[in-house]
Amino acid sequence: MNGRVIVDPKICHGKPVIRGTRVPVTVVVGGLASGMTPAEIEREYAVTADDIRAALEFANALIEREQYHPLPS
């Protein structure tokens, strides 16, 4: 992530954001999930391709730490 994603309680209520912006990681990942291209996200939110990769790496790291258990049938 190279310090591109920060968590600061004074910015966006402590949600992870792209450093130097108020763009939450959820906006970047959600934009990609909804079909926006990386180029569209760069233009819309004034972030870089490296910022987008850092947001995805951050989300991936969170998912990797989770534990999954099968639900009872």
C-alpha atoms as a PDB file:
ATOM      1  CA  MET A   1       0.000   0.000   0.000  1.00  0.00           C
ATOM      2  CA  ASN A   2       3.008   2.263   0.401  1.00  0.00           C
ATOM      3  CA  GLY A   3       1.163   4.515   2.852  1.00  0.00           C
ATOM      4  CA  ARG A   4      -1.412   5.511   0.224  1.00  0.00           C
ATOM      5  CA  VAL A   5      -4.306   4.375   2.427  1.00  0.00           C
ATOM      6  CA  ILE A   6      -4.644   5.999   5.825  1.00  0.00           C
ATOM      7  CA  VAL A   7      -7.020   5.705   8.749  1.00  0.00           C
ATOM      8  CA  ASP A   8      -7.383   8.928  10.709  1.00  0.00           C
ATOM      9  CA  PRO A   9     -10.284   9.520  13.102  1.00  0.00           C
ATOM     10  CA  LYS A  10     -10.318  13.176  11.982  1.00  0.00           C
ATOM     11  CA  ILE A  11     -10.950  12.274   8.326  1.00  0.00           C
ATOM     12  CA  CYS A  12     -14.247  10.697   7.215  1.00  0.00           C
ATOM     13  CA  HIS A  13     -14.957   9.418  10.734  1.00  0.00           C
ATOM     14  CA  GLY A  14     -11.906   7.148  10.661  1.00  0.00           C
ATOM     15  CA  LYS A  15     -12.815   5.265   7.503  1.00  0.00           C
ATOM     16  CA  PRO A  16      -9.832   4.212   5.365  1.00  0.00           C
ATOM     17  CA  VAL A  17      -9.196   6.888   2.734  1.00  0.00           C
ATOM     18  CA  ILE A  18      -6.675   7.608   0.001  1.00  0.00           C
ATOM     19  CA  ARG A  19      -3.915   9.776   1.523  1.00  0.00           C
ATOM     20  CA  GLY A  20      -4.281  13.457   0.689  1.00  0.00           C
ATOM     21  CA  THR A  21      -7.955  13.057  -0.217  1.00  0.00           C
ATOM     22  CA  ARG A  22     -11.273  12.399   1.432  1.00  0.00           C
ATOM     23  CA  VAL A  23     -11.961   9.527  -0.959  1.00  0.00           C
ATOM     24  CA  PRO A  24     -12.835   6.398   1.040  1.00  0.00           C
ATOM     25  CA  VAL A  25     -11.461   3.042  -0.043  1.00  0.00           C
ATOM     26  CA  THR A  26     -15.073   1.846  -0.217  1.00  0.00           C
ATOM     27  CA  VAL A  27     -15.825   4.404  -2.937  1.00  0.00           C
ATOM     28  CA  VAL A  28     -12.919   3.178  -5.068  1.00  0.00           C
ATOM     29  CA  VAL A  29     -13.686  -0.524  -4.596  1.00  0.00           C
ATOM     30  CA  GLY A  30     -17.436   0.060  -4.957  1.00  0.00           C
ATOM     31  CA  GLY A  31     -16.887   2.022  -8.146  1.00  0.00           C
ATOM     32  CA  LEU A  32     -14.920  -0.831  -9.657  1.00  0.00           C
ATOM     33  CA  ALA A  33     -17.518  -3.348  -8.494  1.00  0.00           C
ATOM     34  CA  SER A  34     -20.297  -1.328 -10.114  1.00  0.00           C
ATOM     35  CA  GLY A  35     -18.535  -1.305 -13.465  1.00  0.00           C
ATOM     36  CA  MET A  36     -16.529   1.920 -13.484  1.00  0.00           C
ATOM     37  CA  THR A  37     -13.181   1.634 -15.202  1.00  0.00           C
ATOM     38  CA  PRO A  38     -10.002   2.618 -13.383  1.00  0.00           C
ATOM     39  CA  ALA A  39      -9.707   5.584 -15.773  1.00  0.00           C
ATOM     40  CA  GLU A  40     -13.212   6.743 -14.830  1.00  0.00           C
ATOM     41  CA  ILE A  41     -12.383   6.479 -11.134  1.00  0.00           C
ATOM     42  CA  GLU A  42      -9.153   8.441 -11.665  1.00  0.00           C
ATOM     43  CA  ARG A  43     -11.069  11.248 -13.414  1.00  0.00           C
ATOM     44  CA  GLU A  44     -14.097  11.263 -11.108  1.00  0.00           C
ATOM     45  CA  TYR A  45     -12.219  11.223  -7.793  1.00  0.00           C
ATOM     46  CA  ALA A  46      -8.815  12.717  -8.732  1.00  0.00           C
ATOM     47  CA  VAL A  47      -6.875   9.624  -7.641  1.00  0.00           C
ATOM     48  CA  THR A  48      -4.080   7.776  -9.413  1.00  0.00           C
ATOM     49  CA  ALA A  49      -3.775   4.235 -10.699  1.00  0.00           C
ATOM     50  CA  ASP A  50      -1.409   3.569  -7.773  1.00  0.00           C
ATOM     51  CA  ASP A  51      -4.095   4.836  -5.370  1.00  0.00           C
ATOM     52  CA  ILE A  52      -6.619   2.435  -6.907  1.00  0.00           C
ATOM     53  CA  ARG A  53      -4.202  -0.487  -6.564  1.00  0.00           C
ATOM     54  CA  ALA A  54      -3.535   0.493  -2.937  1.00  0.00           C
ATOM     55  CA  ALA A  55      -7.287   0.548  -2.218  1.00  0.00           C
ATOM     56  CA  LEU A  56      -7.640  -2.943  -3.681  1.00  0.00           C
ATOM     57  CA  GLU A  57      -4.620  -4.188  -1.720  1.00  0.00           C
ATOM     58  CA  PHE A  58      -6.111  -2.740   1.469  1.00  0.00           C
ATOM     59  CA  ALA A  59      -9.457  -4.455   0.836  1.00  0.00           C
ATOM     60  CA  ASN A  60      -7.684  -7.719   0.009  1.00  0.00           C
ATOM     61  CA  ALA A  61      -5.664  -7.568   3.239  1.00  0.00           C
ATOM     62  CA  LEU A  62      -8.888  -7.163   5.253  1.00  0.00           C
ATOM     63  CA  ILE A  63     -10.506 -10.120   3.524  1.00  0.00           C
ATOM     64  CA  GLU A  64      -7.419 -12.283   4.018  1.00  0.00           C
ATOM     65  CA  ARG A  65      -7.589 -11.700   7.793  1.00  0.00           C
ATOM     66  CA  GLU A  66     -11.204 -12.856   8.022  1.00  0.00           C
ATOM     67  CA  GLN A  67     -12.138 -16.366   9.073  1.00  0.00           C
ATOM     68  CA  TYR A  68     -14.986 -18.167   7.388  1.00  0.00           C
ATOM     69  CA  HIS A  69     -17.105 -20.893   8.893  1.00  0.00           C
ATOM     70  CA  PRO A  70     -19.784 -22.892   7.113  1.00  0.00           C
ATOM     71  CA  LEU A  71     -23.312 -22.076   8.181  1.00  0.00           C
ATOM     72  CA  PRO A  72     -25.292 -24.948   9.666  1.00  0.00           C
ATOM     73  CA  SER A  73     -27.786 -26.439   7.220  1.00  0.00           C
END
